[in-house]
Amino acid sequence: MPEENIDSTASPEPESKPVPFDPVIPTFREWAVLKAQQTELTSRMNKLRDRVVAAVQSRGYADHKGSQYIDLPFLIPVGDSEYIRIKRERRVSIVADLEAAERITKGRGDQVYRRAFPPVPTLDADELYVLLQEGELSEEDMDQIMVQKETFAFRGLTT
């Protein structure tokens, strides 16, 4: 029987210790999986939506309000709904053209312009430090003005 070469200086294999179970792990894993699925689904939905919108734009018909439609040749049941047509809804909103407003109100005089464009006070934080250096504000004033605001963001870190 051959002798085994045993190294007497070698340390014995460490005993494997069980990893403690943290009940948040399955919950976090489910969140991470759902987050990844949501990102993938959102991307897929947006690509599909863009293809459908292009089809409605190119071959749909319009109503008196400017919305565009494609009638489906049969009902498409999904969940509790049955789709009968696709609609690209026209929406109109009123927005101010700032350049036109500025040009027109300036042409009517300074009083009209100031009513339409009132001066808005803004804090210049850099100027506060200049005022501190000039002695116009004290350290105590600055401590009251420049306060810490703490926020938290939830993130899962990856490798």
N, C-alpha and C. Protein backbone atom coordinates (compact mmCIF):
# COMPACT_ATOMS: atom_id res chain seq x y z
N MET A 1 0.83 -1.16 0.00
CA MET A 1 0.00 0.00 0.00
C MET A 1 0.89 1.24 0.00
N PRO A 2 0.69 2.16 -0.96
CA PRO A 2 1.57 3.32 -1.01
C PRO A 2 1.24 4.30 0.10
N GLU A 3 2.27 4.96 0.58
CA GLU A 3 2.06 5.96 1.62
C GLU A 3 1.55 7.25 0.99
N GLU A 4 0.60 7.88 1.66
CA GLU A 4 0.10 9.17 1.19
C GLU A 4 1.03 10.27 1.63
N ASN A 5 1.22 11.25 0.79
CA ASN A 5 2.07 12.37 1.13
C ASN A 5 1.21 13.37 1.90
N ILE A 6 1.34 13.41 3.21
CA ILE A 6 0.55 14.28 4.07
C ILE A 6 1.43 15.42 4.54
N ASP A 7 0.96 16.65 4.30
CA ASP A 7 1.69 17.84 4.74
C ASP A 7 1.19 18.17 6.12
N SER A 8 2.04 18.00 7.12
CA SER A 8 1.62 18.23 8.50
C SER A 8 1.49 19.73 8.80
N THR A 9 2.03 20.61 7.93
CA THR A 9 1.93 22.06 8.18
C THR A 9 0.67 22.65 7.58
N ALA A 10 -0.03 21.89 6.73
CA ALA A 10 -1.24 22.40 6.11
C ALA A 10 -2.35 22.51 7.14
N SER A 11 -3.09 23.58 7.07
CA SER A 11 -4.18 23.75 8.02
C SER A 11 -5.39 22.98 7.52
N PRO A 12 -6.21 22.52 8.42
CA PRO A 12 -7.40 21.77 8.00
C PRO A 12 -8.36 22.71 7.27
N GLU A 13 -9.19 22.12 6.40
CA GLU A 13 -10.15 22.92 5.67
C GLU A 13 -11.10 23.60 6.64
N PRO A 14 -11.37 24.89 6.39
CA PRO A 14 -12.27 25.58 7.33
C PRO A 14 -13.68 25.00 7.22
N GLU A 15 -14.33 24.97 8.35
CA GLU A 15 -15.71 24.49 8.36
C GLU A 15 -16.58 25.55 7.69
N SER A 16 -17.48 25.09 6.84
CA SER A 16 -18.37 26.07 6.21
C SER A 16 -19.45 26.45 7.21
N LYS A 17 -19.57 27.74 7.40
CA LYS A 17 -20.58 28.24 8.33
C LYS A 17 -21.81 28.62 7.52
N PRO A 18 -22.99 28.35 8.02
CA PRO A 18 -24.19 28.73 7.28
C PRO A 18 -24.30 30.25 7.20
N VAL A 19 -24.72 30.69 6.04
CA VAL A 19 -24.93 32.12 5.85
C VAL A 19 -26.24 32.49 6.53
N PRO A 20 -26.22 33.53 7.35
CA PRO A 20 -27.48 33.89 8.04
C PRO A 20 -28.51 34.37 7.02
N PHE A 21 -29.75 34.02 7.23
CA PHE A 21 -30.83 34.39 6.32
C PHE A 21 -31.41 35.73 6.75
N ASP A 22 -31.53 36.62 5.79
CA ASP A 22 -32.15 37.92 6.04
C ASP A 22 -33.47 37.92 5.28
N PRO A 23 -34.59 38.10 5.96
CA PRO A 23 -35.90 38.02 5.29
C PRO A 23 -36.13 39.11 4.24
N VAL A 24 -35.29 40.14 4.20
CA VAL A 24 -35.48 41.19 3.19
C VAL A 24 -34.97 40.73 1.83
N ILE A 25 -34.13 39.71 1.78
CA ILE A 25 -33.52 39.28 0.53
C ILE A 25 -34.56 38.84 -0.50
N PRO A 26 -35.51 37.96 -0.17
CA PRO A 26 -36.50 37.59 -1.19
C PRO A 26 -37.35 38.78 -1.65
N THR A 27 -37.66 39.68 -0.73
CA THR A 27 -38.45 40.85 -1.09
C THR A 27 -37.66 41.76 -2.03
N PHE A 28 -36.38 41.98 -1.70
CA PHE A 28 -35.54 42.81 -2.57
C PHE A 28 -35.35 42.16 -3.93
N ARG A 29 -35.15 40.85 -3.96
CA ARG A 29 -34.96 40.16 -5.23
C ARG A 29 -36.20 40.30 -6.10
N GLU A 30 -37.38 40.14 -5.51
CA GLU A 30 -38.62 40.30 -6.27
C GLU A 30 -38.72 41.72 -6.82
N TRP A 31 -38.37 42.73 -6.00
CA TRP A 31 -38.39 44.13 -6.45
C TRP A 31 -37.44 44.31 -7.63
N ALA A 32 -36.22 43.77 -7.52
CA ALA A 32 -35.21 43.94 -8.58
C ALA A 32 -35.68 43.26 -9.87
N VAL A 33 -36.27 42.08 -9.76
CA VAL A 33 -36.78 41.37 -10.94
C VAL A 33 -37.91 42.17 -11.59
N LEU A 34 -38.85 42.66 -10.78
CA LEU A 34 -39.97 43.45 -11.32
C LEU A 34 -39.47 44.75 -11.96
N LYS A 35 -38.47 45.37 -11.34
CA LYS A 35 -37.91 46.60 -11.91
C LYS A 35 -37.30 46.33 -13.28
N ALA A 36 -36.55 45.24 -13.41
CA ALA A 36 -35.95 44.88 -14.69
C ALA A 36 -37.04 44.55 -15.72
N GLN A 37 -38.06 43.83 -15.29
CA GLN A 37 -39.16 43.50 -16.20
C GLN A 37 -39.91 44.76 -16.64
N GLN A 38 -40.12 45.67 -15.70
CA GLN A 38 -40.81 46.92 -16.02
C GLN A 38 -40.03 47.72 -17.06
N THR A 39 -38.73 47.80 -16.91
CA THR A 39 -37.89 48.52 -17.86
C THR A 39 -38.00 47.88 -19.24
N GLU A 40 -37.91 46.55 -19.28
CA GLU A 40 -38.01 45.83 -20.55
C GLU A 40 -39.40 46.00 -21.17
N LEU A 41 -40.44 45.86 -20.35
CA LEU A 41 -41.81 46.00 -20.86
C LEU A 41 -42.08 47.41 -21.37
N THR A 42 -41.60 48.41 -20.65
CA THR A 42 -41.80 49.79 -21.07
C THR A 42 -41.15 50.04 -22.42
N SER A 43 -39.95 49.53 -22.60
CA SER A 43 -39.25 49.69 -23.87
C SER A 43 -40.02 49.01 -24.99
N ARG A 44 -40.46 47.78 -24.76
CA ARG A 44 -41.23 47.04 -25.77
C ARG A 44 -42.54 47.76 -26.09
N MET A 45 -43.24 48.22 -25.05
CA MET A 45 -44.51 48.92 -25.25
C MET A 45 -44.31 50.18 -26.08
N ASN A 46 -43.27 50.94 -25.79
CA ASN A 46 -43.03 52.18 -26.52
C ASN A 46 -42.71 51.91 -27.99
N LYS A 47 -41.94 50.86 -28.27
CA LYS A 47 -41.62 50.51 -29.66
C LYS A 47 -42.88 50.08 -30.40
N LEU A 48 -43.71 49.26 -29.76
CA LEU A 48 -44.96 48.82 -30.38
C LEU A 48 -45.91 50.01 -30.60
N ARG A 49 -46.01 50.87 -29.59
CA ARG A 49 -46.86 52.06 -29.71
C ARG A 49 -46.43 52.90 -30.91
N ASP A 50 -45.12 53.11 -31.05
CA ASP A 50 -44.62 53.93 -32.16
C ASP A 50 -44.97 53.33 -33.51
N ARG A 51 -44.92 52.00 -33.62
CA ARG A 51 -45.28 51.34 -34.88
C ARG A 51 -46.78 51.50 -35.16
N VAL A 52 -47.60 51.36 -34.12
CA VAL A 52 -49.04 51.50 -34.29
C VAL A 52 -49.39 52.94 -34.64
N VAL A 53 -48.78 53.90 -33.97
CA VAL A 53 -49.03 55.31 -34.26
C VAL A 53 -48.66 55.63 -35.70
N ALA A 54 -47.54 55.12 -36.16
CA ALA A 54 -47.13 55.37 -37.55
C ALA A 54 -48.18 54.81 -38.51
N ALA A 55 -48.73 53.64 -38.20
CA ALA A 55 -49.76 53.05 -39.06
C ALA A 55 -51.02 53.90 -39.06
N VAL A 56 -51.43 54.38 -37.88
CA VAL A 56 -52.63 55.21 -37.80
C VAL A 56 -52.41 56.52 -38.56
N GLN A 57 -51.22 57.10 -38.44
CA GLN A 57 -50.92 58.34 -39.15
C GLN A 57 -50.97 58.14 -40.66
N SER A 58 -50.42 57.03 -41.12
CA SER A 58 -50.30 56.83 -42.56
C SER A 58 -51.58 56.34 -43.22
N ARG A 59 -52.41 55.55 -42.53
CA ARG A 59 -53.58 55.00 -43.22
C ARG A 59 -54.88 55.09 -42.43
N GLY A 60 -54.86 55.84 -41.32
CA GLY A 60 -56.09 56.02 -40.55
C GLY A 60 -56.96 57.11 -41.13
N TYR A 61 -58.18 57.22 -40.63
CA TYR A 61 -59.08 58.29 -41.05
C TYR A 61 -59.24 59.26 -39.88
N ALA A 62 -59.58 60.52 -40.19
CA ALA A 62 -59.69 61.56 -39.17
C ALA A 62 -61.15 61.93 -38.94
N ASP A 63 -61.45 62.34 -37.70
CA ASP A 63 -62.79 62.85 -37.41
C ASP A 63 -62.77 64.38 -37.46
N HIS A 64 -63.90 65.01 -37.15
CA HIS A 64 -64.02 66.47 -37.24
C HIS A 64 -63.12 67.22 -36.25
N LYS A 65 -62.62 66.53 -35.21
CA LYS A 65 -61.74 67.17 -34.23
C LYS A 65 -60.26 66.96 -34.55
N GLY A 66 -59.97 66.16 -35.59
CA GLY A 66 -58.59 65.93 -35.98
C GLY A 66 -57.97 64.67 -35.40
N SER A 67 -58.72 63.91 -34.58
CA SER A 67 -58.21 62.64 -34.08
C SER A 67 -58.21 61.65 -35.24
N GLN A 68 -57.32 60.68 -35.17
CA GLN A 68 -57.18 59.70 -36.25
C GLN A 68 -57.51 58.30 -35.72
N TYR A 69 -58.07 57.46 -36.62
CA TYR A 69 -58.55 56.14 -36.21
C TYR A 69 -58.20 55.07 -37.24
N ILE A 70 -58.11 53.85 -36.74
CA ILE A 70 -58.15 52.65 -37.58
C ILE A 70 -59.16 51.73 -36.91
N ASP A 71 -60.20 51.33 -37.67
CA ASP A 71 -61.16 50.37 -37.15
C ASP A 71 -60.56 48.98 -37.27
N LEU A 72 -60.69 48.21 -36.21
CA LEU A 72 -60.17 46.83 -36.22
C LEU A 72 -61.19 45.93 -36.91
N PRO A 73 -60.73 44.93 -37.68
CA PRO A 73 -61.66 44.07 -38.42
C PRO A 73 -62.44 43.11 -37.52
N PHE A 74 -62.01 42.96 -36.27
CA PHE A 74 -62.71 42.10 -35.32
C PHE A 74 -62.34 42.58 -33.92
N LEU A 75 -63.13 42.20 -32.92
CA LEU A 75 -62.86 42.56 -31.53
C LEU A 75 -61.57 41.90 -31.06
N ILE A 76 -60.78 42.64 -30.31
CA ILE A 76 -59.57 42.08 -29.71
C ILE A 76 -59.76 42.10 -28.20
N PRO A 77 -60.10 40.93 -27.61
CA PRO A 77 -60.31 40.90 -26.16
C PRO A 77 -58.97 40.87 -25.42
N VAL A 78 -58.84 41.77 -24.45
CA VAL A 78 -57.66 41.82 -23.59
C VAL A 78 -58.14 42.13 -22.19
N GLY A 79 -57.94 41.18 -21.27
CA GLY A 79 -58.41 41.38 -19.90
C GLY A 79 -59.91 41.56 -19.89
N ASP A 80 -60.36 42.63 -19.25
CA ASP A 80 -61.79 42.93 -19.16
C ASP A 80 -62.28 43.82 -20.29
N SER A 81 -61.42 44.11 -21.26
CA SER A 81 -61.78 45.03 -22.35
C SER A 81 -61.83 44.28 -23.68
N GLU A 82 -62.57 44.89 -24.61
CA GLU A 82 -62.60 44.41 -25.99
C GLU A 82 -62.33 45.61 -26.88
N TYR A 83 -61.20 45.59 -27.56
CA TYR A 83 -60.80 46.72 -28.40
C TYR A 83 -61.48 46.62 -29.76
N ILE A 84 -62.04 47.78 -30.22
CA ILE A 84 -62.74 47.82 -31.49
C ILE A 84 -62.04 48.72 -32.51
N ARG A 85 -61.25 49.67 -32.00
CA ARG A 85 -60.52 50.57 -32.91
C ARG A 85 -59.31 51.14 -32.18
N ILE A 86 -58.42 51.73 -32.98
CA ILE A 86 -57.22 52.40 -32.46
C ILE A 86 -57.43 53.89 -32.69
N LYS A 87 -57.13 54.68 -31.69
CA LYS A 87 -57.32 56.12 -31.80
C LYS A 87 -56.02 56.86 -31.50
N ARG A 88 -55.66 57.76 -32.37
CA ARG A 88 -54.57 58.71 -32.12
C ARG A 88 -55.27 60.02 -31.85
N GLU A 89 -55.43 60.33 -30.56
CA GLU A 89 -56.24 61.46 -30.14
C GLU A 89 -55.50 62.78 -30.27
N ARG A 90 -56.14 63.71 -30.94
CA ARG A 90 -55.58 65.05 -31.08
C ARG A 90 -55.92 65.84 -29.83
N ARG A 91 -54.92 66.48 -29.27
CA ARG A 91 -55.11 67.32 -28.09
C ARG A 91 -54.50 68.68 -28.37
N VAL A 92 -55.19 69.71 -27.96
CA VAL A 92 -54.73 71.07 -28.20
C VAL A 92 -54.65 71.78 -26.86
N SER A 93 -53.55 72.48 -26.65
CA SER A 93 -53.42 73.29 -25.45
C SER A 93 -52.90 74.67 -25.84
N ILE A 94 -53.21 75.63 -25.03
CA ILE A 94 -52.79 77.01 -25.28
C ILE A 94 -51.52 77.26 -24.46
N VAL A 95 -50.48 77.71 -25.12
CA VAL A 95 -49.24 78.07 -24.43
C VAL A 95 -48.83 79.46 -24.88
N ALA A 96 -48.16 80.16 -24.00
CA ALA A 96 -47.72 81.52 -24.32
C ALA A 96 -46.40 81.48 -25.09
N ASP A 97 -46.33 82.25 -26.14
CA ASP A 97 -45.08 82.44 -26.88
C ASP A 97 -44.34 83.57 -26.17
N LEU A 98 -43.32 83.23 -25.40
CA LEU A 98 -42.63 84.22 -24.57
C LEU A 98 -41.98 85.32 -25.39
N GLU A 99 -41.41 84.95 -26.53
CA GLU A 99 -40.77 85.97 -27.36
C GLU A 99 -41.79 86.97 -27.89
N ALA A 100 -42.94 86.49 -28.33
CA ALA A 100 -43.99 87.39 -28.83
C ALA A 100 -44.53 88.24 -27.69
N ALA A 101 -44.75 87.65 -26.52
CA ALA A 101 -45.26 88.39 -25.37
C ALA A 101 -44.28 89.49 -24.97
N GLU A 102 -43.01 89.17 -24.96
CA GLU A 102 -42.01 90.17 -24.58
C GLU A 102 -41.96 91.31 -25.61
N ARG A 103 -41.95 90.95 -26.88
CA ARG A 103 -41.89 91.95 -27.95
C ARG A 103 -43.12 92.88 -27.90
N ILE A 104 -44.30 92.30 -27.76
CA ILE A 104 -45.53 93.09 -27.79
C ILE A 104 -45.67 93.96 -26.55
N THR A 105 -45.42 93.39 -25.36
CA THR A 105 -45.59 94.18 -24.14
C THR A 105 -44.53 95.27 -24.02
N LYS A 106 -43.31 95.00 -24.48
CA LYS A 106 -42.29 96.07 -24.49
C LYS A 106 -42.72 97.21 -25.41
N GLY A 107 -43.36 96.87 -26.51
CA GLY A 107 -43.84 97.88 -27.44
C GLY A 107 -44.95 98.75 -26.86
N ARG A 108 -45.62 98.27 -25.82
CA ARG A 108 -46.71 99.02 -25.17
C ARG A 108 -46.21 99.85 -23.99
N GLY A 109 -44.93 99.79 -23.72
CA GLY A 109 -44.37 100.61 -22.64
C GLY A 109 -43.90 99.78 -21.46
N ASP A 110 -43.07 100.43 -20.64
CA ASP A 110 -42.44 99.74 -19.51
C ASP A 110 -43.46 99.27 -18.48
N GLN A 111 -44.51 100.06 -18.26
CA GLN A 111 -45.50 99.68 -17.26
C GLN A 111 -46.23 98.39 -17.67
N VAL A 112 -46.60 98.29 -18.93
CA VAL A 112 -47.28 97.09 -19.43
C VAL A 112 -46.32 95.90 -19.36
N TYR A 113 -45.07 96.13 -19.78
CA TYR A 113 -44.07 95.05 -19.75
C TYR A 113 -43.87 94.54 -18.33
N ARG A 114 -43.72 95.44 -17.35
CA ARG A 114 -43.49 95.03 -15.95
C ARG A 114 -44.69 94.30 -15.37
N ARG A 115 -45.90 94.64 -15.82
CA ARG A 115 -47.08 93.91 -15.34
C ARG A 115 -47.10 92.49 -15.90
N ALA A 116 -46.69 92.36 -17.15
CA ALA A 116 -46.68 91.03 -17.77
C ALA A 116 -45.47 90.21 -17.33
N PHE A 117 -44.36 90.88 -17.08
CA PHE A 117 -43.13 90.22 -16.66
C PHE A 117 -42.63 90.83 -15.35
N PRO A 118 -43.30 90.51 -14.23
CA PRO A 118 -42.86 91.10 -12.96
C PRO A 118 -41.48 90.57 -12.58
N PRO A 119 -40.69 91.44 -11.95
CA PRO A 119 -39.37 90.96 -11.50
C PRO A 119 -39.57 89.91 -10.41
N VAL A 120 -38.82 88.84 -10.52
CA VAL A 120 -38.92 87.74 -9.57
C VAL A 120 -37.64 87.70 -8.74
N PRO A 121 -37.77 87.86 -7.42
CA PRO A 121 -36.55 87.80 -6.60
C PRO A 121 -35.96 86.39 -6.60
N THR A 122 -34.65 86.34 -6.79
CA THR A 122 -33.96 85.05 -6.73
C THR A 122 -32.79 85.17 -5.78
N LEU A 123 -32.51 84.11 -5.09
CA LEU A 123 -31.41 84.10 -4.13
C LEU A 123 -30.12 83.76 -4.85
N ASP A 124 -29.12 84.58 -4.67
CA ASP A 124 -27.79 84.34 -5.21
C ASP A 124 -26.93 83.84 -4.05
N ALA A 125 -26.77 82.53 -3.94
CA ALA A 125 -26.03 81.94 -2.83
C ALA A 125 -24.58 82.40 -2.80
N ASP A 126 -23.98 82.59 -3.97
CA ASP A 126 -22.60 83.08 -4.02
C ASP A 126 -22.50 84.47 -3.40
N GLU A 127 -23.50 85.29 -3.65
CA GLU A 127 -23.50 86.65 -3.11
C GLU A 127 -23.61 86.63 -1.59
N LEU A 128 -24.30 85.63 -1.03
CA LEU A 128 -24.37 85.50 0.42
C LEU A 128 -22.97 85.36 1.02
N TYR A 129 -22.14 84.55 0.38
CA TYR A 129 -20.78 84.35 0.89
C TYR A 129 -19.94 85.62 0.75
N VAL A 130 -20.20 86.40 -0.32
CA VAL A 130 -19.52 87.69 -0.47
C VAL A 130 -19.95 88.62 0.67
N LEU A 131 -21.25 88.65 0.98
CA LEU A 131 -21.75 89.46 2.08
C LEU A 131 -21.17 89.02 3.42
N LEU A 132 -20.96 87.75 3.59
CA LEU A 132 -20.32 87.23 4.80
C LEU A 132 -18.89 87.75 4.90
N GLN A 133 -18.15 87.66 3.79
CA GLN A 133 -16.76 88.13 3.78
C GLN A 133 -16.68 89.63 4.02
N GLU A 134 -17.67 90.37 3.56
CA GLU A 134 -17.67 91.82 3.75
C GLU A 134 -18.16 92.21 5.14
N GLY A 135 -18.62 91.24 5.93
CA GLY A 135 -19.09 91.54 7.28
C GLY A 135 -20.54 91.97 7.34
N GLU A 136 -21.25 91.95 6.21
CA GLU A 136 -22.67 92.33 6.20
C GLU A 136 -23.54 91.23 6.81
N LEU A 137 -23.08 89.99 6.73
CA LEU A 137 -23.76 88.84 7.35
C LEU A 137 -22.79 88.17 8.31
N SER A 138 -23.33 87.58 9.38
CA SER A 138 -22.49 86.88 10.36
C SER A 138 -22.52 85.38 10.09
N GLU A 139 -21.64 84.66 10.75
CA GLU A 139 -21.65 83.20 10.67
C GLU A 139 -22.98 82.65 11.16
N GLU A 140 -23.52 83.26 12.21
CA GLU A 140 -24.82 82.82 12.74
C GLU A 140 -25.92 83.03 11.70
N ASP A 141 -25.85 84.17 10.98
CA ASP A 141 -26.82 84.40 9.90
C ASP A 141 -26.71 83.30 8.85
N MET A 142 -25.47 83.00 8.47
CA MET A 142 -25.25 81.98 7.44
C MET A 142 -25.72 80.61 7.89
N ASP A 143 -25.53 80.30 9.19
CA ASP A 143 -25.99 79.01 9.71
C ASP A 143 -27.52 78.89 9.61
N GLN A 144 -28.21 80.02 9.75
CA GLN A 144 -29.66 79.99 9.64
C GLN A 144 -30.12 79.93 8.18
N ILE A 145 -29.33 80.54 7.30
CA ILE A 145 -29.70 80.60 5.88
C ILE A 145 -29.34 79.30 5.16
N MET A 146 -28.12 78.84 5.36
CA MET A 146 -27.62 77.66 4.65
C MET A 146 -27.79 76.44 5.55
N VAL A 147 -28.92 75.78 5.40
CA VAL A 147 -29.24 74.63 6.24
C VAL A 147 -29.08 73.34 5.44
N GLN A 148 -28.78 72.27 6.13
CA GLN A 148 -28.64 70.97 5.47
C GLN A 148 -30.02 70.37 5.25
N LYS A 149 -30.18 69.79 4.11
CA LYS A 149 -31.42 69.09 3.78
C LYS A 149 -31.04 67.66 3.44
N GLU A 150 -31.64 66.72 4.13
CA GLU A 150 -31.30 65.32 3.94
C GLU A 150 -32.42 64.63 3.17
N THR A 151 -32.01 63.91 2.12
CA THR A 151 -32.96 63.10 1.36
C THR A 151 -32.34 61.72 1.16
N PHE A 152 -33.16 60.78 0.81
CA PHE A 152 -32.69 59.43 0.54
C PHE A 152 -33.27 58.95 -0.78
N ALA A 153 -32.51 58.13 -1.46
CA ALA A 153 -32.97 57.50 -2.69
C ALA A 153 -32.78 55.98 -2.53
N PHE A 154 -33.75 55.23 -2.99
CA PHE A 154 -33.66 53.78 -2.90
C PHE A 154 -33.05 53.25 -4.19
N ARG A 155 -31.99 52.48 -4.07
CA ARG A 155 -31.33 51.91 -5.23
C ARG A 155 -30.79 50.53 -4.89
N GLY A 156 -30.81 49.68 -5.85
CA GLY A 156 -30.11 48.40 -5.74
C GLY A 156 -28.80 48.55 -6.51
N LEU A 157 -27.70 48.24 -5.88
CA LEU A 157 -26.40 48.39 -6.55
C LEU A 157 -26.01 47.10 -7.23
N THR A 158 -25.46 47.20 -8.42
CA THR A 158 -25.05 46.03 -9.18
C THR A 158 -23.53 46.02 -9.32
N THR A 159 -23.02 44.88 -9.77
CA THR A 159 -21.58 44.77 -9.95
C THR A 159 -21.16 45.34 -11.28
